[in-house]
Protein backbone atom coordinates (compact mmCIF):
# COMPACT_ATOMS: atom_id res chain seq x y z
CA UNK A 1 21.86 13.91 -102.56
CA UNK A 2 18.31 14.70 -101.55
CA UNK A 3 18.52 12.09 -98.73
CA UNK A 4 21.81 13.55 -97.47
CA UNK A 5 20.32 17.09 -97.52
CA UNK A 6 17.28 16.00 -95.50
CA UNK A 7 19.52 14.21 -92.99
CA UNK A 8 21.77 17.26 -92.56
CA UNK A 9 18.72 19.56 -92.32
CA UNK A 10 17.21 17.41 -89.56
CA UNK A 11 20.54 17.39 -87.72
CA UNK A 12 20.76 21.17 -87.94
CA UNK A 13 17.18 21.59 -86.69
CA UNK A 14 17.90 19.16 -83.86
CA UNK A 15 20.96 21.21 -82.83
CA UNK A 16 18.98 24.46 -82.90
CA UNK A 17 16.15 22.88 -80.93
CA UNK A 18 18.62 21.53 -78.36
CA UNK A 19 20.25 24.97 -78.01
CA UNK A 20 16.89 26.68 -77.69
CA UNK A 21 15.77 24.21 -75.03
CA UNK A 22 19.00 24.70 -73.10
CA UNK A 23 18.59 28.48 -73.34
CA UNK A 24 15.01 28.28 -72.06
CA UNK A 25 16.11 26.10 -69.13
CA UNK A 26 18.94 28.51 -68.32
CA UNK A 27 16.58 31.47 -68.39
CA UNK A 28 14.12 29.62 -66.19
CA UNK A 29 16.84 28.83 -63.65
CA UNK A 30 18.11 32.40 -63.65
CA UNK A 31 14.60 33.81 -63.37
CA UNK A 32 13.75 31.44 -60.51
CA UNK A 33 17.02 32.34 -58.82
CA UNK A 34 16.28 36.06 -59.14
CA UNK A 35 12.80 35.58 -57.77
CA UNK A 36 14.12 33.52 -54.86
CA UNK A 37 16.83 36.08 -54.11
CA UNK A 38 14.19 38.83 -54.25
CA UNK A 39 12.07 36.90 -51.73
CA UNK A 40 14.99 36.53 -49.33
CA UNK A 41 15.77 40.23 -49.69
CA UNK A 42 12.11 41.03 -49.04
CA UNK A 43 12.14 38.90 -45.87
CA UNK A 44 15.30 40.69 -44.68
CA UNK A 45 13.68 44.05 -45.53
CA UNK A 46 10.55 43.14 -43.56
CA UNK A 47 12.75 41.98 -40.66
CA UNK A 48 14.59 45.32 -40.65
CA UNK A 49 11.36 47.33 -40.79
CA UNK A 50 9.82 45.21 -38.03
CA UNK A 51 12.90 45.79 -35.84
CA UNK A 52 12.78 49.55 -36.38
CA UNK A 53 9.06 49.75 -35.58
CA UNK A 54 9.36 47.55 -32.49
CA UNK A 55 12.31 49.61 -31.24
CA UNK A 56 10.17 52.74 -31.50
CA UNK A 57 7.40 51.03 -29.53
CA UNK A 58 9.89 49.95 -26.86
CA UNK A 59 11.30 53.49 -26.57
CA UNK A 60 7.73 54.73 -26.15
CA UNK A 61 7.13 52.09 -23.46
CA UNK A 62 10.24 53.24 -21.55
CA UNK A 63 9.19 56.89 -21.70
CA UNK A 64 5.64 56.14 -20.59
CA UNK A 65 6.79 53.91 -17.73
CA UNK A 66 9.14 56.57 -16.31
CA UNK A 67 6.56 59.32 -16.80
CA UNK A 68 3.92 57.26 -14.93
CA UNK A 69 6.06 56.67 -11.84
CA UNK A 70 7.24 60.30 -11.91
CA UNK A 71 3.64 61.52 -11.83
CA UNK A 72 2.96 59.15 -8.93
CA UNK A 73 5.94 60.56 -7.01
CA UNK A 74 4.66 64.11 -7.52
CA UNK A 75 1.17 63.11 -6.39
CA UNK A 76 2.56 61.49 -3.23
CA UNK A 77 4.68 64.56 -2.56
CA UNK A 78 1.61 66.83 -2.78
CA UNK A 79 -0.49 64.52 -0.64
CA UNK A 80 2.20 64.17 2.03
CA UNK A 81 2.44 67.94 2.36
CA UNK A 82 -1.00 67.87 3.98
CA UNK A 83 0.44 65.78 6.79
CA UNK A 84 3.74 67.67 7.05
CA UNK A 85 5.82 64.75 5.80
CA UNK A 86 7.89 64.00 2.69
CA UNK A 87 8.61 61.06 0.41
CA UNK A 88 11.40 58.98 1.95
CA UNK A 89 14.32 57.54 0.04
CA UNK A 90 13.07 54.04 0.84
CA UNK A 91 9.68 54.83 -0.70
CA UNK A 92 11.40 56.29 -3.75
CA UNK A 93 13.70 53.27 -4.17
CA UNK A 94 10.81 50.83 -3.85
CA UNK A 95 9.05 52.29 -6.88
CA UNK A 96 12.24 53.14 -8.76
CA UNK A 97 13.51 49.55 -8.44
CA UNK A 98 10.30 48.31 -10.07
CA UNK A 99 10.95 50.74 -12.92
CA UNK A 100 14.49 49.42 -13.28
CA UNK A 101 13.20 45.85 -13.49
CA UNK A 102 10.72 46.80 -16.21
CA UNK A 103 13.36 48.76 -18.14
CA UNK A 104 15.72 45.78 -18.07
CA UNK A 105 12.96 43.63 -19.58
CA UNK A 106 12.39 46.23 -22.30
CA UNK A 107 16.11 46.36 -23.11
CA UNK A 108 16.20 42.54 -23.27
CA UNK A 109 13.30 42.56 -25.74
CA UNK A 110 15.19 45.13 -27.79
CA UNK A 111 18.31 42.93 -27.88
CA UNK A 112 16.20 39.84 -28.68
CA UNK A 113 14.66 41.81 -31.53
CA UNK A 114 18.04 42.91 -32.93
CA UNK A 115 19.25 39.31 -32.95
CA UNK A 116 16.15 38.15 -34.85
CA UNK A 117 16.86 40.88 -37.39
CA UNK A 118 20.42 39.53 -37.79
CA UNK A 119 19.01 36.01 -38.20
CA UNK A 120 16.67 37.03 -41.03
CA UNK A 121 19.55 38.76 -42.81
CA UNK A 122 21.68 35.62 -42.53
CA UNK A 123 18.93 33.50 -44.12
CA UNK A 124 19.52 35.44 -47.33
CA UNK A 125 23.23 34.66 -47.18
CA UNK A 126 22.52 30.96 -46.68
CA UNK A 127 20.27 30.96 -49.74
CA UNK A 128 22.58 32.89 -52.06
CA UNK A 129 26.05 31.75 -50.98
CA UNK A 130 27.85 28.99 -52.88
CA UNK A 131 29.94 28.28 -49.78
CA UNK A 132 27.62 28.96 -46.81
CA UNK A 133 30.01 27.58 -44.15
CA UNK A 134 30.73 30.98 -42.55
CA UNK A 135 27.08 32.00 -42.64
CA UNK A 136 26.12 28.70 -40.91
CA UNK A 137 28.55 29.40 -38.07
CA UNK A 138 27.26 32.95 -37.68
CA UNK A 139 23.64 31.70 -37.63
CA UNK A 140 24.51 29.24 -34.86
CA UNK A 141 26.05 32.04 -32.77
CA UNK A 142 23.04 34.30 -33.34
CA UNK A 143 20.53 31.60 -32.37
CA UNK A 144 22.56 30.71 -29.28
CA UNK A 145 22.37 34.36 -28.15
CA UNK A 146 18.65 34.49 -28.96
CA UNK A 147 18.06 31.43 -26.78
CA UNK A 148 20.01 32.97 -23.90
CA UNK A 149 17.86 36.11 -23.85
CA UNK A 150 14.71 34.10 -24.53
CA UNK A 151 15.21 32.04 -21.35
CA UNK A 152 15.23 35.25 -19.29
CA UNK A 153 12.20 36.73 -21.06
CA UNK A 154 10.15 33.56 -20.53
CA UNK A 155 10.57 34.04 -16.76
CA UNK A 156 9.27 37.61 -16.97
CA UNK A 157 6.02 38.48 -15.22
CA UNK A 158 4.87 39.88 -18.57
CA UNK A 159 4.45 36.33 -19.88
CA UNK A 160 1.14 34.97 -18.66
CA UNK A 161 0.97 32.01 -21.06
CA UNK A 162 3.75 29.63 -20.02
CA UNK A 163 2.76 27.03 -22.64
CA UNK A 164 3.71 28.96 -25.78
CA UNK A 165 5.93 26.15 -27.09
CA UNK A 166 2.99 23.73 -27.24
CA UNK A 167 1.13 26.24 -29.44
CA UNK A 168 3.87 26.60 -32.09
CA UNK A 169 2.49 25.37 -35.44
CA UNK A 170 4.32 22.66 -37.38
CA UNK A 171 6.07 24.28 -40.34
CA UNK A 172 5.59 22.64 -43.75
CA UNK A 173 8.67 23.79 -45.64
CA UNK A 174 8.14 24.73 -49.29
CA UNK A 175 9.78 22.46 -51.88
CA UNK A 176 11.29 25.62 -53.43
CA UNK A 177 13.52 26.07 -50.38
CA UNK A 178 16.63 23.95 -50.87
CA UNK A 179 20.24 23.53 -49.81
CA UNK A 180 21.71 25.23 -46.74
CA UNK A 181 18.60 27.37 -46.22
CA UNK A 182 16.33 24.33 -46.06
CA UNK A 183 18.74 22.59 -43.71
CA UNK A 184 18.68 25.63 -41.40
CA UNK A 185 14.89 25.95 -41.37
CA UNK A 186 14.48 22.20 -40.78
CA UNK A 187 16.85 22.52 -37.83
CA UNK A 188 15.64 25.77 -36.26
CA UNK A 189 12.46 26.92 -38.00
CA UNK A 190 10.25 25.83 -35.09
CA UNK A 191 12.57 27.60 -32.64
CA UNK A 192 12.34 30.88 -34.57
CA UNK A 193 8.55 30.55 -34.72
CA UNK A 194 8.56 30.14 -30.94
CA UNK A 195 10.72 33.26 -30.51
CA UNK A 196 8.35 35.28 -32.72
CA UNK A 197 5.35 34.01 -30.74
CA UNK A 198 7.18 34.91 -27.52
CA UNK A 199 7.61 38.45 -28.83
CA UNK A 200 3.92 38.55 -29.71
CA UNK A 201 3.02 37.63 -26.11
CA UNK A 202 5.42 40.28 -24.80
CA UNK A 203 3.88 42.86 -27.14
CA UNK A 204 0.38 42.06 -25.89
CA UNK A 205 1.49 42.40 -22.27
CA UNK A 206 3.38 45.63 -23.01
CA UNK A 207 0.38 47.02 -24.85
CA UNK A 208 -1.89 46.38 -21.85
CA UNK A 209 0.71 47.87 -19.52
CA UNK A 210 1.11 50.98 -21.68
CA UNK A 211 -2.67 51.48 -21.84
CA UNK A 212 -2.89 51.24 -18.03
CA UNK A 213 0.06 53.62 -17.57
CA UNK A 214 -1.38 56.20 -19.96
CA UNK A 215 -4.64 56.08 -18.03
CA UNK A 216 -2.75 56.90 -14.81
CA UNK A 217 -0.76 59.70 -16.48
CA UNK A 218 -3.93 61.21 -17.92
CA UNK A 219 -5.72 61.18 -14.57
CA UNK A 220 -2.80 62.68 -12.62
CA UNK A 221 -1.88 65.29 -15.23
CA UNK A 222 -5.49 66.33 -15.67
CA UNK A 223 -5.69 67.00 -11.95
CA UNK A 224 -2.31 68.79 -11.81
CA UNK A 225 -2.51 70.92 -14.96
CA UNK A 226 -6.24 71.33 -15.58
CA UNK A 227 -8.39 70.92 -12.46
CA UNK A 228 -6.13 72.39 -9.76
CA UNK A 229 -5.49 75.68 -11.65
CA UNK A 230 -9.27 76.05 -12.10
CA UNK A 231 -9.84 75.47 -8.38
CA UNK A 232 -7.54 78.32 -7.40
CA UNK A 233 -9.16 81.66 -6.45
CA UNK A 234 -6.89 83.48 -8.92
CA UNK A 235 -7.67 83.51 -12.64
CA UNK A 236 -5.53 81.38 -14.90
CA UNK A 237 -2.74 83.66 -16.05
CA UNK A 238 -1.94 81.97 -19.38
CA UNK A 239 -5.23 80.71 -20.76
CA UNK A 240 -3.86 79.56 -24.12
CA UNK A 241 -1.23 77.37 -22.43
CA UNK A 242 -3.93 75.89 -20.18
CA UNK A 243 -6.08 75.07 -23.22
CA UNK A 244 -3.12 73.51 -25.11
CA UNK A 245 -2.18 71.38 -22.13
CA UNK A 246 -5.77 70.22 -21.64
CA UNK A 247 -5.96 69.33 -25.35
CA UNK A 248 -2.72 67.34 -25.09
CA UNK A 249 -4.00 65.42 -22.04
CA UNK A 250 -7.38 64.67 -23.60
CA UNK A 251 -5.65 63.21 -26.68
CA UNK A 252 -3.81 60.62 -24.59
CA UNK A 253 -6.65 58.13 -25.04
CA UNK A 254 -6.15 58.34 -28.82
CA UNK A 255 -2.43 57.73 -28.37
CA UNK A 256 -3.21 54.76 -26.16
CA UNK A 257 -5.44 53.22 -28.84
CA UNK A 258 -2.80 53.80 -31.54
CA UNK A 259 -0.10 52.08 -29.50
CA UNK A 260 -2.37 49.10 -28.87
CA UNK A 261 -3.13 48.84 -32.60
CA UNK A 262 0.59 49.13 -33.41
CA UNK A 263 1.48 46.22 -31.11
CA UNK A 264 -1.23 44.09 -32.73
CA UNK A 265 0.11 44.85 -36.21
CA UNK A 266 3.67 43.95 -35.20
CA UNK A 267 2.45 40.67 -33.73
CA UNK A 268 1.63 39.50 -37.26
CA UNK A 269 5.33 39.03 -38.10
CA UNK A 270 5.13 35.33 -37.15
CA UNK A 271 2.56 34.82 -39.95
CA UNK A 272 4.92 36.52 -42.40
CA UNK A 273 7.73 34.13 -41.45
CA UNK A 274 5.45 31.09 -41.62
CA UNK A 275 4.11 32.15 -45.03
CA UNK A 276 7.68 32.61 -46.31
CA UNK A 277 8.77 29.16 -45.10
CA UNK A 278 5.66 27.40 -46.44
CA UNK A 279 5.71 29.26 -49.76
CA UNK A 280 2.24 30.81 -49.48
CA UNK A 281 3.17 34.36 -48.51
CA UNK A 282 0.99 36.67 -50.60
CA UNK A 283 1.84 40.12 -51.91
CA UNK A 284 -1.25 41.42 -50.12
CA UNK A 285 0.04 40.07 -46.79
CA UNK A 286 3.42 41.72 -47.31
CA UNK A 287 1.92 45.07 -48.33
CA UNK A 288 -0.53 45.08 -45.41
CA UNK A 289 2.23 44.34 -42.92
CA UNK A 290 4.66 46.91 -44.37
CA UNK A 291 1.97 49.60 -44.53
CA UNK A 292 1.21 48.97 -40.86
CA UNK A 293 4.88 49.39 -39.99
CA UNK A 294 5.17 52.60 -42.03
CA UNK A 295 2.18 54.00 -40.16
CA UNK A 296 3.88 53.27 -36.82
CA UNK A 297 7.14 54.94 -37.89
CA UNK A 298 5.40 57.98 -39.40
CA UNK A 299 3.36 58.50 -36.22
CA UNK A 300 6.44 58.25 -34.04
CA UNK A 301 8.42 60.67 -36.26
CA UNK A 302 5.59 63.22 -36.07
CA UNK A 303 5.58 63.01 -32.29
CA UNK A 304 9.35 63.53 -32.15
CA UNK A 305 9.40 66.45 -34.60
């Protein structure tokens, strides 16, 4: 009897231990799955925020470009008056066509950016879907469109470094990334890194262009709104408006510096993607990047309000 009791007791303990072990393994799998899903959601969230911030920067670049050439037209018009002549349509078209070319590049960057956002969102679907066939097809279509726009952007005069591809780092994919997601990153991870590095080069070039344009605007507006009214024999009629306008013009250098800093912060997105793929993306990195994006959006909203 005592032997039978001990045998049954051991069997019962073994069953409980087996159940407990199975439960622990299940919880571990579920917890890991939740963490992984959270990471993919975070990457998609960062991609969305990056897209929004870059769009704001591109809108700013468009506005500054048009404002710069407009100020130049007005300056030429004033200067020509001294010689009893006017700006011809040919002269106008020559400058305006250059603006159109630049605006087309900016719109292409915007489209390129929207497609990268869609790509990051699809990575989450590849990771979480039990049947990722549809997501795979959609990813292929997105990447094909990205490549089409990328080919045009690489020919842009904004790109000074024509050897970007040779500088793309080799991605070491984390062992935690499995299944369809791993297959996708193995297939196109290097390509996406290249596209992000291409955007970084475009951002640097745009930043330098914006800084130069703001310098021109500041110089021409300072002459038109500040110096010329002072040079007139009559007193300035609305002194408060003159002071406000001068203050606005003097602050342009600050705006220029902020836009340059914003473009540098956005350029860090390639490191975020690389850290995600290689499994070494830190919370500090994510927070720093997201805080930088929030700062860009808050600044832009204040300017528009």
